[in-house]
Amino acid sequence: MKKPKPELTLCGIGAVKARFERDPASFRRLFFDESTGRKLGPLCKALAAARKVYRCVPPEELAKISGSVHHGGVVAVVEAEPPRAPTPKDIAGWAARRAPLVLLDRIGNPHNLGAIARTAAFFGVTDLVVPAHPDAALPNDAAHRVAEGGLELATVWRAPDLVALARALAEAGYEVVGAATRGGDPEDVAAASAAARKPLALVLGNEEHGLSPAVAKACTRLVTIRGAGGVESLNVSVAGAILLHALGLRGPAAKLSPNRV
């Protein structure tokens, strides 16, 4: 007997619409309040045609289904695809396309994962790598809620060994840039990488401990955001946004799906 795929709960009209654009077949159930339901006509029509459950319910039931009062008026229960490990073929493909990458070294808070994914999607960076580490957050319900659809535009990979992956990326021609408390200027790194025509992979460290020593050593460069000294550091999602912009990490513009609602 085939084991059913795990479920994921998506909240908010941005995340729900983004999932429908990407994978309408993954929807299992949809719940919404009266006002939000008026914005979901095409989606409900598609679910009706597929004989899927959709229903208008009171806000308190939405909170119960989602496990949060921050449901944004709509909750979708969809099939969840666990992240897979990147292979040497995937790495070669990234390098051939000069695809920008974001690697997360034990980012533990799913809200930070969601915020980073949202920023990455804004810049068109569509490949995020998390480690297979017990402290590393995965793209769960909370991450999707914060990402506002950004995780639907990304492929999240789970690397068994982030150090080995960083080294493999460097061997494939990447500039692997780690965010650290001490290091170079991100604009200098961006200029040097552009001159050498190297694709960039940005590595962000754990909220409390930063990059592990082994991951930092595997990076080809380290960069630091210099502040006025009043506080020690930035939230990792804020630091990620600044570095994505300063390093010039850009992906191709997103294409609109024919399922757009």
Protein backbone atom coordinates (compact mmCIF):
# COMPACT_ATOMS: atom_id res chain seq x y z
CA MET A 1 0.00 0.00 0.00
CA LYS A 2 1.38 3.37 -1.05
CA LYS A 3 2.14 5.65 1.89
CA PRO A 4 0.29 8.99 1.64
CA LYS A 5 2.42 12.12 1.31
CA PRO A 6 2.66 14.34 4.40
CA GLU A 7 0.49 17.45 4.56
CA LEU A 8 1.43 21.10 4.86
CA THR A 9 -0.88 23.91 5.98
CA LEU A 10 -0.55 27.16 4.03
CA CYS A 11 -2.02 30.37 5.39
CA GLY A 12 -2.64 33.71 3.69
CA ILE A 13 -3.79 34.56 0.22
CA GLY A 14 -0.25 35.17 -1.09
CA ALA A 15 1.06 31.72 -0.13
CA VAL A 16 -2.14 29.93 -1.21
CA LYS A 17 -2.28 31.60 -4.62
CA ALA A 18 1.43 31.02 -5.19
CA ARG A 19 1.03 27.29 -4.48
CA PHE A 20 -1.98 27.11 -6.82
CA GLU A 21 0.03 28.74 -9.60
CA ARG A 22 2.86 26.24 -9.11
CA ASP A 23 1.05 23.01 -8.31
CA PRO A 24 -2.77 23.03 -8.24
CA ALA A 25 -2.86 19.22 -8.06
CA SER A 26 -1.23 19.30 -4.63
CA PHE A 27 -4.33 20.88 -3.02
CA ARG A 28 -6.30 18.56 -0.74
CA ARG A 29 -8.60 20.95 1.15
CA LEU A 30 -9.27 24.69 1.17
CA PHE A 31 -10.97 26.77 3.87
CA PHE A 32 -11.65 30.51 3.85
CA ASP A 33 -13.74 33.23 5.46
CA GLU A 34 -16.51 35.01 3.60
CA SER A 35 -14.59 38.12 2.52
CA THR A 36 -11.50 36.21 1.34
CA GLY A 37 -13.63 33.67 -0.51
CA ARG A 38 -14.73 36.41 -2.92
CA LYS A 39 -11.13 36.61 -4.16
CA LEU A 40 -10.78 32.87 -4.75
CA GLY A 41 -13.38 32.19 -7.43
CA PRO A 42 -11.08 30.61 -10.08
CA LEU A 43 -9.31 28.52 -7.43
CA CYS A 44 -12.60 27.21 -6.01
CA LYS A 45 -13.83 26.46 -9.52
CA ALA A 46 -10.71 24.38 -10.19
CA LEU A 47 -11.09 22.51 -6.91
CA ALA A 48 -14.76 21.81 -7.67
CA ALA A 49 -13.79 20.36 -11.05
CA ALA A 50 -11.20 18.15 -9.33
CA ARG A 51 -13.74 17.11 -6.65
CA LYS A 52 -11.58 18.60 -3.88
CA VAL A 53 -12.99 19.98 -0.61
CA TYR A 54 -13.39 23.75 -0.28
CA ARG A 55 -15.52 25.50 2.27
CA CYS A 56 -16.34 28.90 3.79
CA VAL A 57 -15.92 28.70 7.58
CA PRO A 58 -15.91 31.13 10.54
CA PRO A 59 -12.58 32.76 11.55
CA GLU A 60 -12.39 30.69 14.74
CA GLU A 61 -12.49 27.48 12.70
CA LEU A 62 -9.74 28.82 10.43
CA ALA A 63 -7.62 29.44 13.53
CA LYS A 64 -8.25 25.87 14.67
CA ILE A 65 -7.36 24.39 11.26
CA SER A 66 -4.22 26.47 10.86
CA GLY A 67 -3.11 26.45 14.50
CA SER A 68 -2.70 30.22 14.36
CA VAL A 69 -4.82 33.36 14.48
CA HIS A 70 -2.53 34.71 11.75
CA HIS A 71 -4.25 32.78 8.95
CA GLY A 72 -5.01 35.74 6.68
CA GLY A 73 -8.54 34.54 5.98
CA VAL A 74 -7.61 31.43 4.01
CA VAL A 75 -6.03 28.06 4.82
CA ALA A 76 -5.02 25.40 2.29
CA VAL A 77 -4.03 21.86 3.21
CA VAL A 78 -1.63 20.65 0.52
CA GLU A 79 0.75 17.78 -0.13
CA ALA A 80 4.23 18.43 1.24
CA GLU A 81 7.33 17.45 -0.74
CA PRO A 82 10.34 16.81 1.53
CA PRO A 83 13.54 18.53 0.33
CA ARG A 84 15.98 16.28 -1.50
CA ALA A 85 19.77 16.32 -1.43
CA PRO A 86 21.62 18.03 -4.30
CA THR A 87 23.60 15.64 -6.50
CA PRO A 88 26.81 16.30 -8.45
CA LYS A 89 24.58 16.66 -11.53
CA ASP A 90 22.55 19.37 -9.76
CA ILE A 91 25.74 21.22 -8.81
CA ALA A 92 27.02 21.03 -12.39
CA GLY A 93 23.69 22.36 -13.63
CA TRP A 94 23.78 25.29 -11.22
CA ALA A 95 27.32 26.15 -12.30
CA ALA A 96 26.43 25.91 -16.00
CA ARG A 97 23.51 28.33 -15.48
CA ARG A 98 25.54 30.50 -13.09
CA ALA A 99 22.59 30.15 -10.73
CA PRO A 100 22.83 32.27 -7.56
CA LEU A 101 22.44 30.18 -4.38
CA VAL A 102 21.70 30.76 -0.71
CA LEU A 103 23.03 28.25 1.82
CA LEU A 104 21.73 28.33 5.39
CA ASP A 105 24.05 26.97 8.08
CA ARG A 106 21.68 25.79 10.84
CA ILE A 107 19.17 28.65 10.68
CA GLY A 108 16.96 27.46 13.51
CA ASN A 109 13.91 29.74 13.44
CA PRO A 110 11.38 28.88 10.71
CA HIS A 111 10.27 32.52 10.66
CA ASN A 112 13.81 33.49 9.65
CA LEU A 113 13.80 30.77 7.00
CA GLY A 114 10.53 32.16 5.62
CA ALA A 115 11.80 35.75 5.66
CA ILE A 116 15.01 34.76 3.84
CA ALA A 117 12.99 32.81 1.26
CA ARG A 118 10.76 35.84 0.67
CA THR A 119 13.78 38.09 0.12
CA ALA A 120 15.47 35.52 -2.12
CA ALA A 121 12.31 35.26 -4.21
CA PHE A 122 12.21 39.05 -4.51
CA PHE A 123 15.68 38.94 -6.08
CA GLY A 124 14.87 35.92 -8.23
CA VAL A 125 17.10 33.51 -6.28
CA THR A 126 15.26 30.21 -6.48
CA ASP A 127 17.61 27.64 -4.90
CA LEU A 128 17.99 27.52 -1.11
CA VAL A 129 20.02 24.85 0.68
CA VAL A 130 19.56 23.82 4.31
CA PRO A 131 21.66 21.19 6.09
CA ALA A 132 20.43 17.83 7.33
CA HIS A 133 21.05 18.96 10.90
CA PRO A 134 18.64 18.66 13.85
CA ASP A 135 18.98 22.40 14.61
CA ALA A 136 18.12 23.50 11.05
CA ALA A 137 14.60 24.73 10.34
CA LEU A 138 12.69 23.14 7.47
CA PRO A 139 10.01 24.79 5.31
CA ASN A 140 7.09 24.09 7.66
CA ASP A 141 3.73 25.88 8.08
CA ALA A 142 5.29 28.84 9.94
CA ALA A 143 8.04 29.33 7.33
CA HIS A 144 5.49 29.32 4.52
CA ARG A 145 3.29 31.83 6.34
CA VAL A 146 6.18 34.31 6.71
CA ALA A 147 7.48 33.69 3.17
CA GLU A 148 4.21 35.02 1.67
CA GLY A 149 4.55 32.72 -1.34
CA GLY A 150 8.34 33.01 -1.60
CA LEU A 151 8.86 29.34 -0.80
CA GLU A 152 6.58 28.41 -3.70
CA LEU A 153 9.03 30.15 -6.05
CA ALA A 154 12.04 28.32 -4.61
CA THR A 155 13.47 24.83 -4.52
CA VAL A 156 14.64 23.99 -1.02
CA TRP A 157 17.42 21.39 -0.92
CA ARG A 158 18.69 19.50 2.13
CA ALA A 159 22.41 18.79 2.04
CA PRO A 160 23.75 15.87 4.13
CA ASP A 161 27.05 17.74 4.57
CA LEU A 162 27.08 21.52 4.09
CA VAL A 163 30.89 21.68 4.31
CA ALA A 164 31.28 19.15 1.50
CA LEU A 165 28.71 21.04 -0.56
CA ALA A 166 30.52 24.36 -0.10
CA ARG A 167 33.77 22.74 -1.24
CA ALA A 168 32.06 21.12 -4.23
CA LEU A 169 30.58 24.49 -5.24
CA ALA A 170 34.02 26.12 -5.02
CA GLU A 171 35.46 23.35 -7.20
CA ALA A 172 32.62 23.94 -9.69
CA GLY A 173 33.67 27.59 -10.02
CA TYR A 174 31.53 29.29 -7.39
CA GLU A 175 32.57 32.13 -5.14
CA VAL A 176 31.22 30.79 -1.84
CA VAL A 177 30.70 33.86 0.34
CA GLY A 178 30.14 33.42 4.06
CA ALA A 179 28.57 36.11 6.24
CA ALA A 180 30.85 36.52 9.26
CA THR A 181 31.57 38.96 12.09
CA ARG A 182 34.91 39.73 10.44
CA GLY A 183 35.70 39.67 6.74
CA GLY A 184 35.77 41.65 3.53
CA ASP A 185 33.49 44.26 2.03
CA PRO A 186 30.53 42.73 0.12
CA GLU A 187 30.86 45.29 -2.67
CA ASP A 188 34.52 44.37 -3.18
CA VAL A 189 33.55 40.69 -3.33
CA ALA A 190 30.79 41.45 -5.84
CA ALA A 191 33.25 43.33 -8.07
CA ALA A 192 35.92 40.63 -7.87
CA SER A 193 33.40 37.87 -8.60
CA ALA A 194 31.98 39.79 -11.55
CA ALA A 195 35.47 40.35 -12.95
CA ALA A 196 36.27 36.64 -12.61
CA ARG A 197 32.83 35.72 -14.00
CA LYS A 198 32.13 33.50 -11.01
CA PRO A 199 28.62 32.64 -9.83
CA LEU A 200 27.90 33.42 -6.19
CA ALA A 201 26.66 31.30 -3.30
CA LEU A 202 25.84 33.23 -0.11
CA VAL A 203 26.15 31.34 3.18
CA LEU A 204 24.26 32.61 6.24
CA GLY A 205 24.95 31.25 9.71
CA ASN A 206 22.99 30.29 12.79
CA GLU A 207 21.14 33.08 14.62
CA GLU A 208 23.18 32.70 17.80
CA HIS A 209 26.49 31.14 16.78
CA GLY A 210 26.94 32.32 13.18
CA LEU A 211 28.83 30.12 10.73
CA SER A 212 30.38 26.97 12.10
CA PRO A 213 34.20 27.04 11.91
CA ALA A 214 34.19 24.20 9.36
CA VAL A 215 31.65 25.94 7.10
CA ALA A 216 33.52 29.26 7.37
CA LYS A 217 36.76 27.51 6.38
CA ALA A 218 35.05 25.94 3.35
CA CYS A 219 33.95 29.35 2.04
CA THR A 220 36.17 31.01 -0.55
CA ARG A 221 35.55 34.45 0.98
CA LEU A 222 34.03 35.95 4.11
CA VAL A 223 32.16 39.26 4.21
CA THR A 224 30.93 41.51 6.99
CA ILE A 225 28.23 44.17 7.20
CA ARG A 226 29.79 47.04 9.14
CA GLY A 227 27.51 48.93 11.51
CA ALA A 228 27.96 51.82 13.93
CA GLY A 229 28.71 49.48 16.83
CA GLY A 230 25.63 50.20 18.91
CA VAL A 231 24.39 46.62 18.62
CA GLU A 232 26.47 43.55 17.95
CA SER A 233 24.65 42.15 14.92
CA LEU A 234 21.58 42.15 12.69
CA ASN A 235 18.79 39.59 12.53
CA VAL A 236 19.95 36.95 10.04
CA SER A 237 17.06 37.60 7.65
CA VAL A 238 17.88 41.31 7.58
CA ALA A 239 21.58 40.57 7.05
CA GLY A 240 20.64 38.20 4.24
CA ALA A 241 18.59 40.88 2.50
CA ILE A 242 21.42 43.42 2.71
CA LEU A 243 24.01 40.94 1.41
CA LEU A 244 21.81 39.67 -1.42
CA HIS A 245 21.51 43.27 -2.61
CA ALA A 246 25.13 44.28 -1.95
CA LEU A 247 26.54 41.18 -3.64
CA GLY A 248 24.25 41.65 -6.61
CA LEU A 249 22.73 38.17 -6.40
CA ARG A 250 19.99 38.15 -9.00
CA GLY A 251 18.10 35.36 -10.69
CA PRO A 252 15.93 35.43 -13.80
CA ALA A 253 12.57 37.20 -13.59
CA ALA A 254 9.75 34.91 -12.49
CA LYS A 255 7.32 33.83 -15.20
CA LEU A 256 3.60 34.02 -14.61
CA SER A 257 1.82 30.70 -14.49
CA PRO A 258 -1.26 30.04 -16.63
CA ASN A 259 -2.97 29.05 -13.35
CA ARG A 260 -2.60 32.56 -11.94
CA VAL A 261 -5.70 33.67 -10.01
